[in-house]
Protein backbone atom coordinates (compact mmCIF):
# COMPACT_ATOMS: atom_id res chain seq x y z
CA MET A 1 64.45 45.15 -54.49
CA ASN A 2 64.75 42.04 -56.63
CA THR A 3 62.87 41.90 -60.01
CA ALA A 4 61.40 39.16 -62.50
CA ILE A 5 60.83 40.27 -65.94
CA ILE A 6 58.68 37.61 -67.58
CA THR A 7 57.45 37.60 -71.17
CA GLY A 8 54.09 36.09 -71.98
CA ALA A 9 52.88 35.88 -68.23
CA SER A 10 49.28 36.36 -69.06
CA ALA A 11 48.51 32.61 -68.83
CA GLY A 12 50.22 29.03 -68.51
CA ILE A 13 53.60 28.71 -67.21
CA GLY A 14 54.21 32.52 -67.45
CA SER A 15 51.41 33.25 -65.22
CA ALA A 16 52.25 30.33 -62.77
CA THR A 17 56.04 31.79 -62.61
CA ALA A 18 54.64 35.26 -62.11
CA GLU A 19 52.74 34.05 -59.16
CA LEU A 20 55.84 32.25 -57.72
CA PHE A 21 57.94 35.05 -57.90
CA ILE A 22 55.37 37.57 -56.24
CA GLU A 23 55.41 34.91 -53.51
CA ARG A 24 59.22 35.18 -53.02
CA GLY A 25 58.96 39.09 -52.72
CA TYR A 26 59.85 39.91 -55.99
CA ARG A 27 58.42 42.84 -58.06
CA VAL A 28 57.15 40.98 -61.15
CA ILE A 29 56.73 42.48 -64.67
CA ASN A 30 54.64 40.84 -67.26
CA LEU A 31 55.60 41.68 -70.88
CA SER A 32 52.75 40.60 -73.30
CA ARG A 33 49.66 41.73 -75.22
CA ARG A 34 47.51 40.60 -72.46
CA PRO A 35 47.60 41.35 -68.83
CA CYS A 36 48.27 38.76 -66.19
CA GLN A 37 45.63 38.29 -63.54
CA VAL A 38 47.92 37.43 -60.70
CA SER A 39 47.71 39.95 -58.02
CA GLY A 40 50.58 42.43 -57.66
CA VAL A 41 51.97 42.00 -61.25
CA THR A 42 52.91 44.97 -63.19
CA ASN A 43 51.78 44.69 -66.64
CA VAL A 44 53.47 46.25 -69.45
CA SER A 45 51.44 45.94 -72.88
CA CYS A 46 54.08 44.67 -75.49
CA ASP A 47 53.87 43.06 -78.76
CA LEU A 48 56.98 41.13 -78.75
CA ALA A 49 56.93 40.78 -82.52
CA ASN A 50 57.35 44.45 -82.55
CA GLU A 51 61.13 45.50 -81.85
CA ASP A 52 60.26 49.29 -81.66
CA ARG A 53 57.76 48.49 -78.92
CA ILE A 54 60.31 46.22 -77.09
CA ASN A 55 62.91 49.18 -77.23
CA ALA A 56 60.65 51.72 -75.93
CA VAL A 57 59.66 49.41 -73.02
CA THR A 58 63.09 48.49 -72.06
CA ARG A 59 64.20 52.11 -72.02
CA GLU A 60 62.04 52.34 -68.99
CA LEU A 61 62.71 49.13 -67.49
CA VAL A 62 66.55 49.59 -67.62
CA ALA A 63 66.04 52.82 -65.22
CA GLU A 64 63.66 50.73 -62.91
CA ILE A 65 66.06 48.19 -62.73
CA LYS A 66 69.01 50.24 -61.78
CA ASP A 67 66.90 52.18 -59.17
CA ALA A 68 65.77 48.63 -57.52
CA ASN A 69 69.54 47.72 -57.16
CA GLY A 70 68.50 44.08 -56.83
CA VAL A 71 69.05 40.95 -58.90
CA THR A 72 66.76 40.44 -62.03
CA SER A 73 65.52 37.45 -63.68
CA LEU A 74 64.63 37.86 -67.09
CA VAL A 75 62.46 34.91 -68.13
CA HIS A 76 61.79 34.35 -71.78
CA ASN A 77 58.56 32.28 -71.92
CA ALA A 78 56.39 33.94 -74.46
CA CYS A 79 55.90 31.87 -77.78
CA GLN A 80 53.77 31.01 -80.60
CA MET A 81 52.81 27.40 -81.30
CA ARG A 82 51.45 27.07 -85.00
CA LYS A 83 50.16 23.80 -86.41
CA ASP A 84 52.31 23.54 -89.54
CA SER A 85 54.81 21.38 -91.37
CA VAL A 86 57.79 21.54 -93.93
CA ALA A 87 55.09 21.17 -96.62
CA ASP A 88 53.20 24.27 -95.65
CA CYS A 89 54.77 26.51 -93.41
CA THR A 90 55.54 29.67 -95.71
CA SER A 91 58.68 31.60 -95.01
CA ALA A 92 56.49 34.45 -93.76
CA SER A 93 55.03 32.45 -91.16
CA LEU A 94 58.19 31.05 -89.84
CA ARG A 95 59.55 34.43 -89.83
CA ALA A 96 56.60 35.49 -87.65
CA VAL A 97 57.22 32.55 -85.24
CA MET A 98 60.94 33.24 -84.96
CA GLU A 99 60.13 36.98 -84.06
CA THR A 100 58.16 36.21 -81.08
CA ASN A 101 59.99 33.04 -79.94
CA LEU A 102 63.47 33.95 -80.70
CA ILE A 103 64.11 37.20 -81.85
CA ALA A 104 62.33 38.98 -79.10
CA ALA A 105 64.72 37.27 -76.70
CA ASN A 106 67.71 38.90 -78.45
CA THR A 107 66.19 42.01 -78.37
CA LEU A 108 65.56 42.05 -74.62
CA ASN A 109 68.87 40.73 -73.83
CA GLN A 110 70.74 43.54 -75.50
CA GLN A 111 68.59 46.12 -74.00
CA LEU A 112 68.35 45.01 -70.43
CA LEU A 113 71.68 43.16 -69.67
CA PRO A 114 73.75 46.39 -69.04
CA ALA A 115 71.44 47.07 -65.98
CA PHE A 116 71.81 43.54 -64.38
CA ASN A 117 73.74 43.10 -61.43
CA HIS A 118 75.62 40.27 -59.92
CA GLY A 119 73.47 37.28 -59.37
CA SER A 120 70.94 38.12 -62.00
CA SER A 121 69.90 35.46 -64.63
CA ILE A 122 68.52 34.86 -68.02
CA ILE A 123 66.05 31.73 -67.99
CA TYR A 124 65.00 30.48 -71.27
CA VAL A 125 61.80 28.52 -71.48
CA GLY A 126 62.46 25.63 -74.09
CA SER A 127 60.56 22.62 -74.59
CA THR A 128 61.01 18.92 -74.73
CA LEU A 129 61.10 19.76 -78.52
CA SER A 130 64.11 21.64 -78.14
CA GLU A 131 65.95 18.39 -78.71
CA LYS A 132 63.61 16.28 -80.44
CA ALA A 133 60.66 16.62 -82.97
CA VAL A 134 57.14 15.74 -83.72
CA SER A 135 55.25 16.11 -86.92
CA ASN A 136 52.97 19.33 -87.61
CA SER A 137 54.86 21.52 -85.25
CA PHE A 138 57.39 22.63 -87.74
CA SER A 139 58.06 26.33 -86.76
CA TYR A 140 57.74 25.75 -83.19
CA VAL A 141 60.43 22.90 -83.35
CA ILE A 142 62.78 25.03 -85.19
CA SER A 143 62.19 27.85 -82.85
CA LYS A 144 62.83 25.76 -79.74
CA HIS A 145 66.00 24.32 -80.92
CA ALA A 146 67.34 27.77 -81.94
CA LEU A 147 66.36 28.92 -78.14
CA LEU A 148 68.39 26.17 -76.75
CA GLY A 149 71.42 27.25 -78.81
CA MET A 150 70.84 30.84 -77.76
CA MET A 151 70.99 29.79 -74.10
CA ARG A 152 74.37 27.81 -74.69
CA ALA A 153 75.75 30.85 -76.45
CA THR A 154 74.57 33.26 -73.99
CA CYS A 155 76.34 31.19 -71.16
CA GLN A 156 79.74 31.14 -73.05
CA ASP A 157 79.45 35.01 -73.65
CA LEU A 158 78.62 35.95 -70.04
CA MET A 159 81.54 34.07 -68.53
CA GLY A 160 82.82 36.02 -65.67
CA SER A 161 79.75 38.44 -65.43
CA GLY A 162 78.17 37.03 -62.33
CA ILE A 163 75.07 36.49 -64.83
CA HIS A 164 73.88 33.07 -65.30
CA THR A 165 71.62 31.20 -67.69
CA ALA A 166 69.69 27.92 -68.34
CA CYS A 167 67.14 26.74 -70.33
CA VAL A 168 64.04 24.84 -68.64
CA CYS A 169 62.42 22.27 -71.12
CA PRO A 170 58.88 21.37 -70.20
CA GLY A 171 57.19 18.24 -71.49
CA PHE A 172 53.77 18.45 -72.40
CA THR A 173 52.28 20.93 -70.03
CA ASP A 174 48.63 21.54 -69.14
CA THR A 175 48.25 24.93 -70.61
CA GLU A 176 45.74 26.92 -72.76
CA MET A 177 48.30 27.03 -75.60
CA LEU A 178 48.67 23.11 -75.59
CA ARG A 179 44.73 22.58 -75.45
CA GLU A 180 44.40 25.08 -78.48
CA HIS A 181 47.08 23.25 -80.31
CA LEU A 182 45.41 19.94 -79.96
CA GLY A 183 41.96 21.48 -80.66
CA ASN A 184 40.52 20.99 -77.33
CA ASP A 185 40.65 17.29 -77.76
CA LEU A 186 40.35 15.98 -73.96
CA ASP A 187 40.92 12.29 -75.48
CA LEU A 188 44.10 13.29 -77.05
CA MET A 189 45.18 15.43 -74.10
CA GLN A 190 44.84 12.18 -71.86
CA GLN A 191 46.58 10.30 -74.23
CA ILE A 192 49.71 12.40 -74.53
CA GLY A 193 49.65 13.05 -70.58
CA GLY A 194 49.99 9.03 -70.35
CA ALA A 195 53.03 9.14 -72.28
CA ASN A 196 55.39 9.60 -69.34
CA GLY A 197 56.38 7.97 -65.98
CA PHE A 198 53.58 9.37 -63.86
CA GLY A 199 50.54 9.17 -66.30
CA ARG A 200 49.61 12.69 -66.36
CA LEU A 201 50.30 16.21 -68.03
CA VAL A 202 52.89 18.53 -66.22
CA THR A 203 51.38 21.29 -64.44
CA ALA A 204 52.42 24.90 -64.93
CA ALA A 205 53.29 25.28 -61.06
CA GLU A 206 55.89 22.43 -61.44
CA ILE A 207 57.59 24.12 -64.26
CA ALA A 208 57.24 27.66 -62.47
CA GLU A 209 59.28 26.08 -59.60
CA LEU A 210 61.85 24.57 -61.89
CA ILE A 211 62.39 28.35 -63.45
CA GLU A 212 62.64 29.74 -59.92
CA TRP A 213 65.18 27.11 -58.93
CA ALA A 214 67.19 27.86 -61.99
CA HIS A 215 67.29 31.63 -61.15
CA THR A 216 68.21 31.17 -57.61
CA HIS A 217 70.97 28.51 -58.25
CA PRO A 218 73.85 29.94 -60.42
CA VAL A 219 75.75 26.42 -60.28
CA LEU A 220 73.25 25.33 -62.96
CA ASN A 221 74.64 27.96 -65.58
CA GLY A 222 74.51 26.66 -69.01
CA ALA A 223 72.31 23.75 -67.80
CA VAL A 224 69.25 22.06 -69.74
CA LEU A 225 66.78 21.16 -67.31
CA HIS A 226 64.10 18.67 -68.31
CA GLY A 227 60.79 18.87 -66.62
CA ASN A 228 58.59 16.15 -68.42
CA LEU A 229 58.01 13.48 -65.76
CA GLY A 230 60.14 11.25 -67.74
CA GLN A 231 58.79 10.83 -71.16
CA MET A 232 58.42 7.53 -72.92
CA GLU A 233 60.56 7.29 -76.03
CA ASN A 234 59.51 5.97 -79.49
């Protein structure tokens, strides 16, 4: 049986991705502190900032993946998005964001890759801010730039393994995380949503489709996939 392991599938893009993989007949495992409400998802409580907890979880997952004897998609979706700047982001705060947004992905890769069969994938969920920046999202921008670099390095290191990778970079997407980051300011959300070719926010379901497509198409190995409806550039 094929397996999808999704970090942060409790809401937003992660939840929509879990739902789509369930529809495709995958066993879906959510790694996060909160459960995913999608029917059929296996929820594994995991604080991604806690390496010991990740290691404990992955020991069980490796055995389950090998027993399933299918392909696996590991989707690095979980992240923190703090409102901060170069002037006020402490090193401790930056370190905490990097633990969740970047270091957890590295730990999961190292622990789970030995169990992956030919045709498996590692999909990184970056951001439009993986290649540009806005103000007051200092730690998030740094982490998403680094995540894109991790994908490119992953691609080179896995050459010949039959395991492929890609980085899906959503534009401004209508999620709980974005609403909280914007202080639930509906006018600001509409303004941001209007700054693309379709005059609306991206939906979580649209990004989920892009993630699933990247997993099923190894020809995209090493690709950066922008899902942003064509953002207007200042």
